[in-house]
PDB file of N, CA and C in Angstrom:
ATOM      1  N   MET A   1       0.841  -1.163   0.000  1.00  0.00           N
ATOM      2  CA  MET A   1       0.000   0.000   0.000  1.00  0.00           C
ATOM      3  C   MET A   1       0.893   1.236   0.000  1.00  0.00           C
ATOM      4  N   LYS A   2       0.485   2.236  -0.737  1.00  0.00           N
ATOM      5  CA  LYS A   2       1.239   3.479  -0.843  1.00  0.00           C
ATOM      6  C   LYS A   2       0.540   4.560  -0.031  1.00  0.00           C
ATOM      7  N   PHE A   3       1.332   5.353   0.723  1.00  0.00           N
ATOM      8  CA  PHE A   3       0.839   6.521   1.435  1.00  0.00           C
ATOM      9  C   PHE A   3       1.269   7.759   0.664  1.00  0.00           C
ATOM     10  N   MET A   4       0.340   8.710   0.508  1.00  0.00           N
ATOM     11  CA  MET A   4       0.620   9.945  -0.204  1.00  0.00           C
ATOM     12  C   MET A   4       0.168  11.132   0.640  1.00  0.00           C
ATOM     13  N   ASN A   5       0.830  12.269   0.482  1.00  0.00           N
ATOM     14  CA  ASN A   5       0.396  13.470   1.191  1.00  0.00           C
ATOM     15  C   ASN A   5      -0.818  14.070   0.480  1.00  0.00           C
ATOM     16  N   ALA A   6      -1.265  15.223   0.939  1.00  0.00           N
ATOM     17  CA  ALA A   6      -2.467  15.845   0.370  1.00  0.00           C
ATOM     18  C   ALA A   6      -2.291  16.220  -1.097  1.00  0.00           C
ATOM     19  N   SER A   7      -1.044  16.417  -1.532  1.00  0.00           N
ATOM     20  CA  SER A   7      -0.763  16.729  -2.933  1.00  0.00           C
ATOM     21  C   SER A   7      -0.576  15.469  -3.775  1.00  0.00           C
ATOM     22  N   ARG A   8      -0.795  14.327  -3.172  1.00  0.00           N
ATOM     23  CA  ARG A   8      -0.657  13.008  -3.807  1.00  0.00           C
ATOM     24  C   ARG A   8       0.780  12.665  -4.201  1.00  0.00           C
ATOM     25  N   THR A   9       1.723  13.230  -3.463  1.00  0.00           N
ATOM     26  CA  THR A   9       3.126  12.856  -3.628  1.00  0.00           C
ATOM     27  C   THR A   9       3.390  11.682  -2.682  1.00  0.00           C
ATOM     28  N   THR A  10       4.045  10.655  -3.173  1.00  0.00           N
ATOM     29  CA  THR A  10       4.311   9.479  -2.354  1.00  0.00           C
ATOM     30  C   THR A  10       5.213   9.839  -1.178  1.00  0.00           C
ATOM     31  N   ILE A  11       4.794   9.419   0.029  1.00  0.00           N
ATOM     32  CA  ILE A  11       5.591   9.683   1.237  1.00  0.00           C
ATOM     33  C   ILE A  11       6.009   8.390   1.933  1.00  0.00           C
ATOM     34  N   GLY A  12       5.417   7.270   1.557  1.00  0.00           N
ATOM     35  CA  GLY A  12       5.798   6.017   2.192  1.00  0.00           C
ATOM     36  C   GLY A  12       4.990   4.850   1.686  1.00  0.00           C
ATOM     37  N   TYR A  13       5.353   3.671   2.195  1.00  0.00           N
ATOM     38  CA  TYR A  13       4.726   2.418   1.772  1.00  0.00           C
ATOM     39  C   TYR A  13       4.536   1.497   2.965  1.00  0.00           C
ATOM     40  N   TYR A  14       3.581   0.590   2.825  1.00  0.00           N
ATOM     41  CA  TYR A  14       3.428  -0.529   3.749  1.00  0.00           C
ATOM     42  C   TYR A  14       3.405  -1.775   2.880  1.00  0.00           C
ATOM     43  N   GLU A  15       4.410  -2.622   3.033  1.00  0.00           N
ATOM     44  CA  GLU A  15       4.536  -3.827   2.214  1.00  0.00           C
ATOM     45  C   GLU A  15       4.969  -4.998   3.083  1.00  0.00           C
ATOM     46  N   SER A  16       4.207  -6.061   3.073  1.00  0.00           N
ATOM     47  CA  SER A  16       4.570  -7.302   3.766  1.00  0.00           C
ATOM     48  C   SER A  16       5.012  -7.080   5.210  1.00  0.00           C
ATOM     49  N   GLY A  17       4.231  -6.287   5.948  1.00  0.00           N
ATOM     50  CA  GLY A  17       4.531  -6.066   7.358  1.00  0.00           C
ATOM     51  C   GLY A  17       5.600  -5.028   7.630  1.00  0.00           C
ATOM     52  N   ARG A  18       6.075  -4.339   6.593  1.00  0.00           N
ATOM     53  CA  ARG A  18       7.126  -3.320   6.754  1.00  0.00           C
ATOM     54  C   ARG A  18       6.620  -1.942   6.342  1.00  0.00           C
ATOM     55  N   PHE A  19       6.967  -0.953   7.161  1.00  0.00           N
ATOM     56  CA  PHE A  19       6.721   0.440   6.806  1.00  0.00           C
ATOM     57  C   PHE A  19       7.998   0.953   6.163  1.00  0.00           C
ATOM     58  N   LYS A  20       7.852   1.632   5.019  1.00  0.00           N
ATOM     59  CA  LYS A  20       9.020   2.122   4.293  1.00  0.00           C
ATOM     60  C   LYS A  20       8.836   3.591   3.939  1.00  0.00           C
ATOM     61  N   ASN A  21       9.951   4.314   3.833  1.00  0.00           N
ATOM     62  CA  ASN A  21       9.875   5.701   3.400  1.00  0.00           C
ATOM     63  C   ASN A  21       9.759   5.747   1.875  1.00  0.00           C
ATOM     64  N   LYS A  22       9.751   6.946   1.305  1.00  0.00           N
ATOM     65  CA  LYS A  22       9.542   7.040  -0.149  1.00  0.00           C
ATOM     66  C   LYS A  22      10.687   6.422  -0.940  1.00  0.00           C
ATOM     67  N   SER A  23      11.860   6.289  -0.322  1.00  0.00           N
ATOM     68  CA  SER A  23      12.992   5.630  -0.989  1.00  0.00           C
ATOM     69  C   SER A  23      12.977   4.118  -0.764  1.00  0.00           C
ATOM     70  N   ARG A  24      11.940   3.656  -0.099  1.00  0.00           N
ATOM     71  CA  ARG A  24      11.733   2.234   0.226  1.00  0.00           C
ATOM     72  C   ARG A  24      12.729   1.675   1.238  1.00  0.00           C
ATOM     73  N   SER A  25      13.318   2.566   2.040  1.00  0.00           N
ATOM     74  CA  SER A  25      14.120   2.108   3.175  1.00  0.00           C
ATOM     75  C   SER A  25      13.157   1.789   4.317  1.00  0.00           C
ATOM     76  N   THR A  26      13.417   0.733   5.043  1.00  0.00           N
ATOM     77  CA  THR A  26      12.516   0.313   6.116  1.00  0.00           C
ATOM     78  C   THR A  26      12.560   1.280   7.290  1.00  0.00           C
ATOM     79  N   LEU A  27      11.366   1.724   7.715  1.00  0.00           N
ATOM     80  CA  LEU A  27      11.211   2.582   8.889  1.00  0.00           C
ATOM     81  C   LEU A  27      10.847   1.756  10.110  1.00  0.00           C
ATOM     82  N   GLY A  28      10.087   0.688   9.888  1.00  0.00           N
ATOM     83  CA  GLY A  28       9.613  -0.129  10.996  1.00  0.00           C
ATOM     84  C   GLY A  28       8.766  -1.280  10.507  1.00  0.00           C
ATOM     85  N   TYR A  29       8.153  -1.960  11.469  1.00  0.00           N
ATOM     86  CA  TYR A  29       7.431  -3.195  11.182  1.00  0.00           C
ATOM     87  C   TYR A  29       6.114  -3.233  11.946  1.00  0.00           C
ATOM     88  N   LEU A  30       5.155  -3.982  11.409  1.00  0.00           N
ATOM     89  CA  LEU A  30       3.911  -4.293  12.105  1.00  0.00           C
ATOM     90  C   LEU A  30       3.771  -5.804  12.108  1.00  0.00           C
ATOM     91  N   GLU A  31       3.807  -6.390  13.310  1.00  0.00           N
ATOM     92  CA  GLU A  31       3.660  -7.835  13.419  1.00  0.00           C
ATOM     93  C   GLU A  31       2.179  -8.203  13.445  1.00  0.00           C
ATOM     94  N   ALA A  32       1.871  -9.452  13.175  1.00  0.00           N
ATOM     95  CA  ALA A  32       0.488  -9.924  13.107  1.00  0.00           C
ATOM     96  C   ALA A  32      -0.263  -9.717  14.430  1.00  0.00           C
ATOM     97  N   ASN A  33       0.442  -9.691  15.537  1.00  0.00           N
ATOM     98  CA  ASN A  33      -0.200  -9.505  16.845  1.00  0.00           C
ATOM     99  C   ASN A  33      -0.431  -8.033  17.193  1.00  0.00           C
ATOM    100  N   GLY A  34      -0.126  -7.116  16.253  1.00  0.00           N
ATOM    101  CA  GLY A  34      -0.356  -5.692  16.476  1.00  0.00           C
ATOM    102  C   GLY A  34       0.829  -4.952  17.056  1.00  0.00           C
ATOM    103  N   LYS A  35       1.929  -5.631  17.284  1.00  0.00           N
ATOM    104  CA  LYS A  35       3.122  -4.984  17.829  1.00  0.00           C
ATOM    105  C   LYS A  35       3.803  -4.165  16.736  1.00  0.00           C
ATOM    106  N   VAL A  36       4.123  -2.908  17.061  1.00  0.00           N
ATOM    107  CA  VAL A  36       4.796  -2.009  16.127  1.00  0.00           C
ATOM    108  C   VAL A  36       6.252  -1.882  16.570  1.00  0.00           C
ATOM    109  N   LEU A  37       7.162  -2.101  15.622  1.00  0.00           N
ATOM    110  CA  LEU A  37       8.594  -2.065  15.913  1.00  0.00           C
ATOM    111  C   LEU A  37       9.274  -1.000  15.059  1.00  0.00           C
ATOM    112  N   ASP A  38      10.342  -0.397  15.589  1.00  0.00           N
ATOM    113  CA  ASP A  38      11.106   0.539  14.768  1.00  0.00           C
ATOM    114  C   ASP A  38      12.092  -0.246  13.906  1.00  0.00           C
ATOM    115  N   ARG A  39      12.926   0.455  13.162  1.00  0.00           N
ATOM    116  CA  ARG A  39      13.823  -0.220  12.219  1.00  0.00           C
ATOM    117  C   ARG A  39      14.824  -1.143  12.905  1.00  0.00           C
ATOM    118  N   SER A  40      15.135  -0.882  14.181  1.00  0.00           N
ATOM    119  CA  SER A  40      16.054  -1.759  14.906  1.00  0.00           C
ATOM    120  C   SER A  40      15.307  -2.874  15.649  1.00  0.00           C
ATOM    121  N   ARG A  41      14.031  -2.987  15.362  1.00  0.00           N
ATOM    122  CA  ARG A  41      13.151  -4.012  15.921  1.00  0.00           C
ATOM    123  C   ARG A  41      12.880  -3.847  17.416  1.00  0.00           C
ATOM    124  N   THR A  42      12.959  -2.602  17.891  1.00  0.00           N
ATOM    125  CA  THR A  42      12.566  -2.272  19.260  1.00  0.00           C
ATOM    126  C   THR A  42      11.074  -1.978  19.252  1.00  0.00           C
ATOM    127  N   THR A  43      10.348  -2.529  20.206  1.00  0.00           N
ATOM    128  CA  THR A  43       8.906  -2.282  20.281  1.00  0.00           C
ATOM    129  C   THR A  43       8.649  -0.818  20.619  1.00  0.00           C
ATOM    130  N   ILE A  44       7.845  -0.151  19.787  1.00  0.00           N
ATOM    131  CA  ILE A  44       7.503   1.249  20.043  1.00  0.00           C
ATOM    132  C   ILE A  44       6.013   1.435  20.327  1.00  0.00           C
ATOM    133  N   GLY A  45       5.216   0.388  20.155  1.00  0.00           N
ATOM    134  CA  GLY A  45       3.804   0.502  20.451  1.00  0.00           C
ATOM    135  C   GLY A  45       3.016  -0.695  19.950  1.00  0.00           C
ATOM    136  N   TYR A  46       1.704  -0.581  20.105  1.00  0.00           N
ATOM    137  CA  TYR A  46       0.786  -1.643  19.701  1.00  0.00           C
ATOM    138  C   TYR A  46      -0.482  -1.025  19.129  1.00  0.00           C
ATOM    139  N   VAL A  47      -1.084  -1.690  18.169  1.00  0.00           N
ATOM    140  CA  VAL A  47      -2.429  -1.361  17.700  1.00  0.00           C
ATOM    141  C   VAL A  47      -3.220  -2.664  17.762  1.00  0.00           C
ATOM    142  N   GLU A  48      -4.189  -2.700  18.662  1.00  0.00           N
ATOM    143  CA  GLU A  48      -4.929  -3.945  18.840  1.00  0.00           C
ATOM    144  C   GLU A  48      -6.318  -3.685  19.415  1.00  0.00           C
ATOM    145  N   ASN A  49      -7.279  -4.373  18.873  1.00  0.00           N
ATOM    146  CA  ASN A  49      -8.654  -4.324  19.367  1.00  0.00           C
ATOM    147  C   ASN A  49      -9.181  -2.903  19.560  1.00  0.00           C
ATOM    148  N   GLY A  50      -8.852  -2.009  18.625  1.00  0.00           N
ATOM    149  CA  GLY A  50      -9.364  -0.650  18.698  1.00  0.00           C
ATOM    150  C   GLY A  50      -8.613   0.261  19.653  1.00  0.00           C
ATOM    151  N   LYS A  51      -7.513  -0.203  20.224  1.00  0.00           N
ATOM    152  CA  LYS A  51      -6.716   0.617  21.137  1.00  0.00           C
ATOM    153  C   LYS A  51      -5.329   0.854  20.556  1.00  0.00           C
ATOM    154  N   ILE A  52      -4.796   2.047  20.845  1.00  0.00           N
ATOM    155  CA  ILE A  52      -3.428   2.390  20.485  1.00  0.00           C
ATOM    156  C   ILE A  52      -2.651   2.453  21.793  1.00  0.00           C
ATOM    157  N   LEU A  53      -1.608   1.641  21.902  1.00  0.00           N
ATOM    158  CA  LEU A  53      -0.841   1.546  23.136  1.00  0.00           C
ATOM    159  C   LEU A  53       0.611   1.936  22.882  1.00  0.00           C
ATOM    160  N   ASP A  54       1.251   2.535  23.900  1.00  0.00           N
ATOM    161  CA  ASP A  54       2.671   2.839  23.748  1.00  0.00           C
ATOM    162  C   ASP A  54       3.492   1.588  24.069  1.00  0.00           C
ATOM    163  N   SER A  55       4.806   1.717  24.085  1.00  0.00           N
ATOM    164  CA  SER A  55       5.669   0.545  24.258  1.00  0.00           C
ATOM    165  C   SER A  55       5.494  -0.136  25.606  1.00  0.00           C
ATOM    166  N   SER A  56       5.030   0.597  26.616  1.00  0.00           N
ATOM    167  CA  SER A  56       4.783  -0.011  27.927  1.00  0.00           C
ATOM    168  C   SER A  56       3.330  -0.479  28.063  1.00  0.00           C
ATOM    169  N   ARG A  57       2.618  -0.480  26.940  1.00  0.00           N
ATOM    170  CA  ARG A  57       1.224  -0.916  26.838  1.00  0.00           C
ATOM    171  C   ARG A  57       0.242   0.019  27.554  1.00  0.00           C
ATOM    172  N   SER A  58       0.652   1.281  27.755  1.00  0.00           N
ATOM    173  CA  SER A  58      -0.266   2.281  28.295  1.00  0.00           C
ATOM    174  C   SER A  58      -1.120   2.805  27.149  1.00  0.00           C
ATOM    175  N   ASN A  59      -2.386   3.028  27.420  1.00  0.00           N
ATOM    176  CA  ASN A  59      -3.322   3.480  26.394  1.00  0.00           C
ATOM    177  C   ASN A  59      -3.020   4.920  25.994  1.00  0.00           C
ATOM    178  N   ILE A  60      -2.797   5.147  24.681  1.00  0.00           N
ATOM    179  CA  ILE A  60      -2.589   6.519  24.193  1.00  0.00           C
ATOM    180  C   ILE A  60      -3.674   6.937  23.200  1.00  0.00           C
ATOM    181  N   GLY A  61      -4.611   6.040  22.917  1.00  0.00           N
ATOM    182  CA  GLY A  61      -5.687   6.403  22.005  1.00  0.00           C
ATOM    183  C   GLY A  61      -6.518   5.219  21.582  1.00  0.00           C
ATOM    184  N   TYR A  62      -7.466   5.501  20.701  1.00  0.00           N
ATOM    185  CA  TYR A  62      -8.406   4.501  20.207  1.00  0.00           C
ATOM    186  C   TYR A  62      -8.543   4.663  18.699  1.00  0.00           C
ATOM    187  N   TYR A  63      -9.064   3.638  18.040  1.00  0.00           N
ATOM    188  CA  TYR A  63      -9.343   3.758  16.612  1.00  0.00           C
ATOM    189  C   TYR A  63     -10.510   2.871  16.228  1.00  0.00           C
ATOM    190  N   SER A  64     -11.153   3.289  15.135  1.00  0.00           N
ATOM    191  CA  SER A  64     -12.234   2.499  14.542  1.00  0.00           C
ATOM    192  C   SER A  64     -12.069   2.603  13.032  1.00  0.00           C
ATOM    193  N   SER A  65     -12.984   2.047  12.297  1.00  0.00           N
ATOM    194  CA  SER A  65     -12.887   2.092  10.837  1.00  0.00           C
ATOM    195  C   SER A  65     -13.119   3.491  10.276  1.00  0.00           C
ATOM    196  N   THR A  66     -13.578   4.429  11.107  1.00  0.00           N
ATOM    197  CA  THR A  66     -13.853   5.778  10.611  1.00  0.00           C
ATOM    198  C   THR A  66     -12.989   6.876  11.221  1.00  0.00           C
ATOM    199  N   LYS A  67     -12.267   6.584  12.329  1.00  0.00           N
ATOM    200  CA  LYS A  67     -11.483   7.648  12.964  1.00  0.00           C
ATOM    201  C   LYS A  67     -10.513   7.123  14.012  1.00  0.00           C
ATOM    202  N   THR A  68      -9.578   8.001  14.407  1.00  0.00           N
ATOM    203  CA  THR A  68      -8.734   7.738  15.573  1.00  0.00           C
ATOM    204  C   THR A  68      -9.102   8.769  16.627  1.00  0.00           C
ATOM    205  N   LEU A  69      -8.947   8.385  17.869  1.00  0.00           N
ATOM    206  CA  LEU A  69      -9.283   9.256  18.981  1.00  0.00           C
ATOM    207  C   LEU A  69      -8.113   9.315  19.948  1.00  0.00           C
ATOM    208  N   SER A  70      -7.961  10.454  20.614  1.00  0.00           N
ATOM    209  CA  SER A  70      -6.943  10.577  21.654  1.00  0.00           C
ATOM    210  C   SER A  70      -7.411   9.782  22.877  1.00  0.00           C
ATOM    211  N   ARG A  71      -6.549   9.700  23.878  1.00  0.00           N
ATOM    212  CA  ARG A  71      -6.923   8.986  25.102  1.00  0.00           C
ATOM    213  C   ARG A  71      -8.156   9.603  25.741  1.00  0.00           C
ATOM    214  N   SER A  72      -8.329  10.919  25.600  1.00  0.00           N
ATOM    215  CA  SER A  72      -9.500  11.601  26.168  1.00  0.00           C
ATOM    216  C   SER A  72     -10.713  11.530  25.234  1.00  0.00           C
ATOM    217  N   ARG A  73     -10.589  10.724  24.178  1.00  0.00           N
ATOM    218  CA  ARG A  73     -11.650  10.467  23.202  1.00  0.00           C
ATOM    219  C   ARG A  73     -11.939  11.634  22.264  1.00  0.00           C
ATOM    220  N   ARG A  74     -10.992  12.532  22.084  1.00  0.00           N
ATOM    221  CA  ARG A  74     -11.124  13.608  21.099  1.00  0.00           C
ATOM    222  C   ARG A  74     -10.720  13.051  19.735  1.00  0.00           C
ATOM    223  N   THR A  75     -11.544  13.304  18.729  1.00  0.00           N
ATOM    224  CA  THR A  75     -11.218  12.818  17.385  1.00  0.00           C
ATOM    225  C   THR A  75      -9.970  13.518  16.871  1.00  0.00           C
ATOM    226  N   GLU A  76      -9.014  12.722  16.387  1.00  0.00           N
ATOM    227  CA  GLU A  76      -7.769  13.253  15.848  1.00  0.00           C
ATOM    228  C   GLU A  76      -7.757  13.194  14.322  1.00  0.00           C
ATOM    229  N   VAL A  77      -8.180  12.057  13.773  1.00  0.00           N
ATOM    230  CA  VAL A  77      -8.116  11.825  12.328  1.00  0.00           C
ATOM    231  C   VAL A  77      -9.364  11.062  11.902  1.00  0.00           C
ATOM    232  N   TYR A  78      -9.888  11.397  10.737  1.00  0.00           N
ATOM    233  CA  TYR A  78     -11.010  10.674  10.138  1.00  0.00           C
ATOM    234  C   TYR A  78     -10.526   9.869   8.935  1.00  0.00           C
ATOM    235  N   PHE A  79     -11.200   8.745   8.679  1.00  0.00           N
ATOM    236  CA  PHE A  79     -10.924   7.924   7.504  1.00  0.00           C
ATOM    237  C   PHE A  79     -12.175   7.859   6.640  1.00  0.00           C
ATOM    238  N   SER A  80     -11.984   7.894   5.341  1.00  0.00           N
ATOM    239  CA  SER A  80     -13.096   7.716   4.415  1.00  0.00           C
ATOM    240  C   SER A  80     -12.544   7.137   3.120  1.00  0.00           C
ATOM    241  N   GLY A  81     -12.846   5.892   2.851  1.00  0.00           N
ATOM    242  CA  GLY A  81     -12.354   5.248   1.639  1.00  0.00           C
ATOM    243  C   GLY A  81     -10.841   5.194   1.619  1.00  0.00           C
ATOM    244  N   LYS A  82     -10.234   6.020   0.777  1.00  0.00           N
ATOM    245  CA  LYS A  82      -8.770   6.080   0.651  1.00  0.00           C
ATOM    246  C   LYS A  82      -8.198   7.365   1.241  1.00  0.00           C
ATOM    247  N   LYS A  83      -9.061   8.201   1.864  1.00  0.00           N
ATOM    248  CA  LYS A  83      -8.640   9.498   2.381  1.00  0.00           C
ATOM    249  C   LYS A  83      -8.419   9.473   3.890  1.00  0.00           C
ATOM    250  N   ILE A  84      -7.421  10.255   4.322  1.00  0.00           N
ATOM    251  CA  ILE A  84      -7.150  10.496   5.740  1.00  0.00           C
ATOM    252  C   ILE A  84      -7.335  11.988   5.948  1.00  0.00           C
ATOM    253  N   MET A  85      -8.205  12.361   6.900  1.00  0.00           N
ATOM    254  CA  MET A  85      -8.547  13.767   7.107  1.00  0.00           C
ATOM    255  C   MET A  85      -8.293  14.194   8.546  1.00  0.00           C
ATOM    256  N   ASN A  86      -7.982  15.471   8.734  1.00  0.00           N
ATOM    257  CA  ASN A  86      -7.776  15.996  10.083  1.00  0.00           C
ATOM    258  C   ASN A  86      -9.119  16.297  10.746  1.00  0.00           C
ATOM    259  N   ARG A  87      -9.068  16.880  11.956  1.00  0.00           N
ATOM    260  CA  ARG A  87     -10.297  17.163  12.712  1.00  0.00           C
ATOM    261  C   ARG A  87     -11.289  18.021  11.944  1.00  0.00           C
ATOM    262  N   SER A  88     -10.801  18.946  11.134  1.00  0.00           N
ATOM    263  CA  SER A  88     -11.705  19.812  10.372  1.00  0.00           C
ATOM    264  C   SER A  88     -12.075  19.210   9.023  1.00  0.00           C
ATOM    265  N   ARG A  89     -11.741  17.931   8.855  1.00  0.00           N
ATOM    266  CA  ARG A  89     -12.082  17.149   7.666  1.00  0.00           C
ATOM    267  C   ARG A  89     -11.382  17.624   6.394  1.00  0.00           C
ATOM    268  N   SER A  90     -10.237  18.267   6.554  1.00  0.00           N
ATOM    269  CA  SER A  90      -9.390  18.581   5.398  1.00  0.00           C
ATOM    270  C   SER A  90      -8.513  17.367   5.142  1.00  0.00           C
ATOM    271  N   THR A  91      -8.345  17.010   3.892  1.00  0.00           N
ATOM    272  CA  THR A  91      -7.535  15.842   3.556  1.00  0.00           C
ATOM    273  C   THR A  91      -6.064  16.133   3.839  1.00  0.00           C
ATOM    274  N   ILE A  92      -5.427  15.222   4.610  1.00  0.00           N
ATOM    275  CA  ILE A  92      -4.003  15.371   4.918  1.00  0.00           C
ATOM    276  C   ILE A  92      -3.173  14.286   4.252  1.00  0.00           C
ATOM    277  N   ALA A  93      -3.833  13.198   3.835  1.00  0.00           N
ATOM    278  CA  ALA A  93      -3.093  12.110   3.194  1.00  0.00           C
ATOM    279  C   ALA A  93      -4.062  11.193   2.471  1.00  0.00           C
ATOM    280  N   TYR A  94      -3.501  10.365   1.600  1.00  0.00           N
ATOM    281  CA  TYR A  94      -4.255   9.356   0.846  1.00  0.00           C
ATOM    282  C   TYR A  94      -3.517   8.024   0.918  1.00  0.00           C
ATOM    283  N   CYS A  95      -4.264   6.967   0.705  1.00  0.00           N
ATOM    284  CA  CYS A  95      -3.698   5.635   0.492  1.00  0.00           C
ATOM    285  C   CYS A  95      -4.148   5.194  -0.896  1.00  0.00           C
ATOM    286  N   ASP A  96      -3.405   4.291  -1.502  1.00  0.00           N
ATOM    287  CA  ASP A  96      -3.830   3.821  -2.821  1.00  0.00           C
ATOM    288  C   ASP A  96      -4.768   2.620  -2.719  1.00  0.00           C
ATOM    289  N   ARG A  97      -5.064   2.201  -1.498  1.00  0.00           N
ATOM    290  CA  ARG A  97      -6.005   1.099  -1.256  1.00  0.00           C
ATOM    291  C   ARG A  97      -7.018   1.558  -0.223  1.00  0.00           C
ATOM    292  N   ASN A  98      -8.124   0.854  -0.121  1.00  0.00           N
ATOM    293  CA  ASN A  98      -9.146   1.186   0.856  1.00  0.00           C
ATOM    294  C   ASN A  98      -8.588   1.005   2.270  1.00  0.00           C
ATOM    295  N   ILE A  99      -8.709   2.021   3.081  1.00  0.00           N
ATOM    296  CA  ILE A  99      -8.141   2.018   4.428  1.00  0.00           C
ATOM    297  C   ILE A  99      -8.693   0.889   5.278  1.00  0.00           C
ATOM    298  N   GLY A 100      -9.961   0.577   5.141  1.00  0.00           N
ATOM    299  CA  GLY A 100     -10.579  -0.469   5.954  1.00  0.00           C
ATOM    300  C   GLY A 100      -9.895  -1.818   5.856  1.00  0.00           C
ATOM    301  N   GLN A 101      -9.317  -2.131   4.716  1.00  0.00           N
ATOM    302  CA  GLN A 101      -8.636  -3.412   4.536  1.00  0.00           C
ATOM    303  C   GLN A 101      -7.285  -3.447   5.232  1.00  0.00           C
ATOM    304  N   TYR A 102      -6.727  -2.296   5.552  1.00  0.00           N
ATOM    305  CA  TYR A 102      -5.393  -2.189   6.153  1.00  0.00           C
ATOM    306  C   TYR A 102      -5.434  -1.306   7.402  1.00  0.00           C
ATOM    307  N   LEU A 103      -6.542  -1.342   8.127  1.00  0.00           N
ATOM    308  CA  LEU A 103      -6.776  -0.392   9.214  1.00  0.00           C
ATOM    309  C   LEU A 103      -5.651  -0.370  10.242  1.00  0.00           C
ATOM    310  N   ASP A 104      -5.225  -1.518  10.752  1.00  0.00           N
ATOM    311  CA  ASP A 104      -4.159  -1.542  11.755  1.00  0.00           C
ATOM    312  C   ASP A 104      -2.881  -0.917  11.215  1.00  0.00           C
ATOM    313  N   ALA A 105      -2.537  -1.212   9.973  1.00  0.00           N
ATOM    314  CA  ALA A 105      -1.320  -0.664   9.369  1.00  0.00           C
ATOM    315  C   ALA A 105      -1.432   0.848   9.195  1.00  0.00           C
ATOM    316  N   VAL A 106      -2.594   1.338   8.771  1.00  0.00           N
ATOM    317  CA  VAL A 106      -2.779   2.780   8.584  1.00  0.00           C
ATOM    318  C   VAL A 106      -2.669   3.499   9.923  1.00  0.00           C
ATOM    319  N   VAL A 107      -3.324   2.969  10.946  1.00  0.00           N
ATOM    320  CA  VAL A 107      -3.263   3.590  12.271  1.00  0.00           C
ATOM    321  C   VAL A 107      -1.822   3.580  12.794  1.00  0.00           C
ATOM    322  N   ALA A 108      -1.141   2.445  12.681  1.00  0.00           N
ATOM    323  CA  ALA A 108       0.252   2.358  13.143  1.00  0.00           C
ATOM    324  C   ALA A 108       1.128   3.365  12.405  1.00  0.00           C
ATOM    325  N   TYR A 109       0.946   3.487  11.097  1.00  0.00           N
ATOM    326  CA  TYR A 109       1.740   4.437  10.308  1.00  0.00           C
ATOM    327  C   TYR A 109       1.491   5.868  10.780  1.00  0.00           C
ATOM    328  N   LEU A 110       0.224   6.233  10.945  1.00  0.00           N
ATOM    329  CA  LEU A 110      -0.113   7.592  11.362  1.00  0.00           C
ATOM    330  C   LEU A 110       0.460   7.927  12.729  1.00  0.00           C
ATOM    331  N   VAL A 111       0.317   7.013  13.668  1.00  0.00           N
ATOM    332  CA  VAL A 111       0.727   7.290  15.042  1.00  0.00           C
ATOM    333  C   VAL A 111       2.240   7.241  15.221  1.00  0.00           C
ATOM    334  N   PHE A 112       2.889   6.260  14.621  1.00  0.00           N
ATOM    335  CA  PHE A 112       4.295   6.031  14.918  1.00  0.00           C
ATOM    336  C   PHE A 112       5.293   6.496  13.852  1.00  0.00           C
ATOM    337  N   PHE A 113       4.839   6.714  12.611  1.00  0.00           N
ATOM    338  CA  PHE A 113       5.787   7.041  11.546  1.00  0.00           C
ATOM    339  C   PHE A 113       5.446   8.278  10.728  1.00  0.00           C
ATOM    340  N   PHE A 114       4.200   8.707  10.723  1.00  0.00           N
ATOM    341  CA  PHE A 114       3.782   9.817   9.865  1.00  0.00           C
ATOM    342  C   PHE A 114       3.871  11.126  10.619  1.00  0.00           C
ATOM    343  N   ASP A 115       4.617  12.075  10.105  1.00  0.00           N
ATOM    344  CA  ASP A 115       4.734  13.397  10.707  1.00  0.00           C
ATOM    345  C   ASP A 115       3.655  14.285  10.086  1.00  0.00           C
ATOM    346  N   ILE A 116       2.542  14.431  10.799  1.00  0.00           N
ATOM    347  CA  ILE A 116       1.410  15.196  10.268  1.00  0.00           C
ATOM    348  C   ILE A 116       1.766  16.672  10.136  1.00  0.00           C
ATOM    349  N   GLY A 117       2.543  17.203  11.076  1.00  0.00           N
ATOM    350  CA  GLY A 117       2.895  18.622  11.052  1.00  0.00           C
ATOM    351  C   GLY A 117       3.906  18.852  10.041  1.00  0.00           C
TER     352      GLY A 117
END
């Protein structure tokens, strides 16, 4: 799956459990159990059962098929088809595949690897 910014310029990829930058260098990994690892294979967080957890498994947020929420349940990002939108529903990124099919990977990418600012 390809990640693109709002201008549809490629910014990264998710392929076979690996997050990659636009040059296809590995940034990190997503294991089948929801564990997110950095490039040196250190655990940096988890995405599982609708929760976003940090490396010590403390809750830092939530997610569903339509949005991510902060720990205080404030909506941070919305999903719609292939679009990723901010709180005011402005498009900040795109995927080349339907987000619902890759929800855990999209959430992990946004939280741990994507610099929204």
